[in-house]
Amino acid sequence: MEPPSPPIPPKESREEAAQHVVHARHLLERLRERLEKNHPELDEALEKLESALNVLTIKTGGML
C-alpha cells in the first residue's frame, strides 16, 4: 500500500517553486555555454531539475 500523497501546497508556493527550478535551470545552461564544453555534472544537474519540475507538475495536477 502506498503512503498518502502530501497535501498540495498553496498556489503561491507552487509558483515560487516552479520559478526557482526554471531560474536554476537557466543559470546552469548559461554556465554550460560559458564553459564551452559538456560536463557530466552539469548534464546531471539539468536532468535532475527537469525531473523535479515534472514531479512538481504531476503532484500539483499541472497547476505550476
N, C-alpha and C. Protein backbone atom coordinates (compact mmCIF):
# COMPACT_ATOMS: atom_id res chain seq x y z
N MET A 1 0.84 -1.17 0.00
CA MET A 1 0.00 0.00 0.00
C MET A 1 0.89 1.24 0.00
N GLU A 2 0.58 2.18 -0.89
CA GLU A 2 1.36 3.40 -1.00
C GLU A 2 0.99 4.38 0.10
N PRO A 3 2.00 5.13 0.58
CA PRO A 3 1.67 6.16 1.56
C PRO A 3 0.85 7.27 0.88
N PRO A 4 0.03 7.96 1.65
CA PRO A 4 -0.77 9.03 1.04
C PRO A 4 0.11 10.14 0.50
N SER A 5 -0.34 10.78 -0.55
CA SER A 5 0.39 11.90 -1.13
C SER A 5 0.37 13.08 -0.17
N PRO A 6 1.45 13.84 -0.16
CA PRO A 6 1.44 15.03 0.70
C PRO A 6 0.41 16.03 0.18
N PRO A 7 -0.07 16.90 1.05
CA PRO A 7 -1.06 17.88 0.60
C PRO A 7 -0.45 18.81 -0.45
N ILE A 8 -1.29 19.26 -1.35
CA ILE A 8 -0.84 20.18 -2.39
C ILE A 8 -0.59 21.54 -1.75
N PRO A 9 0.61 22.11 -1.98
CA PRO A 9 0.90 23.40 -1.38
C PRO A 9 0.05 24.52 -1.99
N PRO A 10 -0.05 25.63 -1.31
CA PRO A 10 -0.81 26.75 -1.86
C PRO A 10 -0.24 27.18 -3.21
N LYS A 11 -1.07 27.82 -4.00
CA LYS A 11 -0.67 28.22 -5.34
C LYS A 11 0.61 29.06 -5.33
N GLU A 12 0.75 29.96 -4.36
CA GLU A 12 1.93 30.81 -4.30
C GLU A 12 3.20 29.97 -4.11
N SER A 13 3.12 28.95 -3.28
CA SER A 13 4.27 28.09 -3.05
C SER A 13 4.63 27.32 -4.31
N ARG A 14 3.63 26.83 -5.03
CA ARG A 14 3.89 26.10 -6.27
C ARG A 14 4.55 27.00 -7.30
N GLU A 15 4.02 28.22 -7.43
CA GLU A 15 4.59 29.15 -8.40
C GLU A 15 6.02 29.52 -8.03
N GLU A 16 6.26 29.73 -6.74
CA GLU A 16 7.59 30.06 -6.29
C GLU A 16 8.55 28.91 -6.56
N ALA A 17 8.13 27.68 -6.29
CA ALA A 17 8.97 26.51 -6.54
C ALA A 17 9.28 26.39 -8.02
N ALA A 18 8.29 26.58 -8.85
CA ALA A 18 8.49 26.49 -10.30
C ALA A 18 9.46 27.57 -10.77
N GLN A 19 9.33 28.77 -10.24
CA GLN A 19 10.23 29.86 -10.63
C GLN A 19 11.67 29.54 -10.24
N HIS A 20 11.86 28.95 -9.06
CA HIS A 20 13.20 28.59 -8.63
C HIS A 20 13.81 27.53 -9.54
N VAL A 21 13.03 26.55 -9.92
CA VAL A 21 13.52 25.49 -10.79
C VAL A 21 13.89 26.07 -12.16
N VAL A 22 13.03 26.89 -12.71
CA VAL A 22 13.29 27.49 -14.02
C VAL A 22 14.53 28.37 -13.96
N HIS A 23 14.66 29.16 -12.91
CA HIS A 23 15.82 30.04 -12.77
C HIS A 23 17.11 29.22 -12.63
N ALA A 24 17.08 28.18 -11.82
CA ALA A 24 18.26 27.34 -11.64
C ALA A 24 18.66 26.68 -12.95
N ARG A 25 17.68 26.22 -13.70
CA ARG A 25 17.98 25.59 -15.00
C ARG A 25 18.62 26.59 -15.94
N HIS A 26 18.10 27.80 -15.96
CA HIS A 26 18.64 28.86 -16.81
C HIS A 26 20.10 29.16 -16.43
N LEU A 27 20.38 29.26 -15.14
CA LEU A 27 21.75 29.53 -14.68
C LEU A 27 22.70 28.41 -15.09
N LEU A 28 22.27 27.17 -14.95
CA LEU A 28 23.12 26.05 -15.34
C LEU A 28 23.36 26.02 -16.85
N GLU A 29 22.36 26.36 -17.62
CA GLU A 29 22.55 26.40 -19.08
C GLU A 29 23.53 27.50 -19.47
N ARG A 30 23.43 28.65 -18.82
CA ARG A 30 24.39 29.74 -19.09
C ARG A 30 25.80 29.33 -18.70
N LEU A 31 25.93 28.64 -17.58
CA LEU A 31 27.24 28.16 -17.15
C LEU A 31 27.82 27.19 -18.17
N ARG A 32 26.99 26.30 -18.69
CA ARG A 32 27.45 25.36 -19.71
C ARG A 32 27.96 26.11 -20.94
N GLU A 33 27.24 27.15 -21.37
CA GLU A 33 27.66 27.94 -22.53
C GLU A 33 28.99 28.64 -22.26
N ARG A 34 29.17 29.17 -21.06
CA ARG A 34 30.40 29.87 -20.73
C ARG A 34 31.59 28.91 -20.68
N LEU A 35 31.37 27.68 -20.25
CA LEU A 35 32.44 26.71 -20.18
C LEU A 35 32.80 26.17 -21.56
N GLU A 36 31.89 26.31 -22.51
CA GLU A 36 32.07 25.90 -23.90
C GLU A 36 32.40 24.43 -24.08
N LYS A 37 32.01 23.61 -23.12
CA LYS A 37 32.15 22.17 -23.29
C LYS A 37 31.20 21.49 -22.33
N ASN A 38 30.89 20.25 -22.64
CA ASN A 38 29.96 19.50 -21.80
C ASN A 38 30.66 18.97 -20.56
N HIS A 39 29.92 19.02 -19.47
CA HIS A 39 30.38 18.46 -18.21
C HIS A 39 29.30 17.53 -17.71
N PRO A 40 29.65 16.29 -17.41
CA PRO A 40 28.63 15.33 -16.96
C PRO A 40 27.85 15.84 -15.75
N GLU A 41 28.50 16.57 -14.83
CA GLU A 41 27.82 17.06 -13.65
C GLU A 41 26.74 18.08 -14.00
N LEU A 42 27.04 18.94 -14.97
CA LEU A 42 26.03 19.92 -15.40
C LEU A 42 24.86 19.22 -16.07
N ASP A 43 25.16 18.25 -16.91
CA ASP A 43 24.10 17.50 -17.57
C ASP A 43 23.21 16.81 -16.54
N GLU A 44 23.84 16.21 -15.52
CA GLU A 44 23.08 15.53 -14.49
C GLU A 44 22.22 16.51 -13.69
N ALA A 45 22.79 17.67 -13.37
CA ALA A 45 22.04 18.68 -12.63
C ALA A 45 20.83 19.16 -13.43
N LEU A 46 21.01 19.37 -14.73
CA LEU A 46 19.90 19.79 -15.58
C LEU A 46 18.83 18.71 -15.65
N GLU A 47 19.24 17.46 -15.76
CA GLU A 47 18.27 16.36 -15.79
C GLU A 47 17.49 16.28 -14.48
N LYS A 48 18.18 16.48 -13.35
CA LYS A 48 17.50 16.43 -12.06
C LYS A 48 16.51 17.57 -11.90
N LEU A 49 16.88 18.75 -12.39
CA LEU A 49 15.94 19.88 -12.33
C LEU A 49 14.70 19.61 -13.19
N GLU A 50 14.92 19.05 -14.37
CA GLU A 50 13.78 18.72 -15.23
C GLU A 50 12.90 17.67 -14.57
N SER A 51 13.52 16.68 -13.93
CA SER A 51 12.75 15.66 -13.22
C SER A 51 11.96 16.28 -12.07
N ALA A 52 12.59 17.16 -11.33
CA ALA A 52 11.91 17.82 -10.21
C ALA A 52 10.72 18.63 -10.71
N LEU A 53 10.89 19.33 -11.80
CA LEU A 53 9.79 20.12 -12.35
C LEU A 53 8.66 19.20 -12.81
N ASN A 54 9.00 18.07 -13.41
CA ASN A 54 7.98 17.11 -13.83
C ASN A 54 7.22 16.56 -12.64
N VAL A 55 7.94 16.22 -11.57
CA VAL A 55 7.29 15.70 -10.36
C VAL A 55 6.36 16.76 -9.78
N LEU A 56 6.85 18.00 -9.68
CA LEU A 56 6.01 19.07 -9.16
C LEU A 56 4.74 19.24 -10.00
N THR A 57 4.91 19.15 -11.31
CA THR A 57 3.76 19.30 -12.20
C THR A 57 2.75 18.19 -11.98
N ILE A 58 3.24 16.98 -11.85
CA ILE A 58 2.33 15.84 -11.62
C ILE A 58 1.65 15.95 -10.26
N LYS A 59 2.44 16.25 -9.22
CA LYS A 59 1.90 16.32 -7.87
C LYS A 59 0.87 17.44 -7.70
N THR A 60 1.01 18.49 -8.50
CA THR A 60 0.10 19.62 -8.36
C THR A 60 -1.00 19.60 -9.43
N GLY A 61 -1.07 18.51 -10.17
CA GLY A 61 -2.10 18.41 -11.22
C GLY A 61 -1.90 19.41 -12.34
N GLY A 62 -0.65 19.73 -12.63
CA GLY A 62 -0.37 20.66 -13.72
C GLY A 62 -0.63 22.11 -13.36
N MET A 63 -0.72 22.39 -12.08
CA MET A 63 -1.05 23.76 -11.66
C MET A 63 0.17 24.60 -11.37
N LEU A 64 1.31 24.28 -11.99
CA LEU A 64 2.51 25.09 -11.78
C LEU A 64 2.53 26.27 -12.69
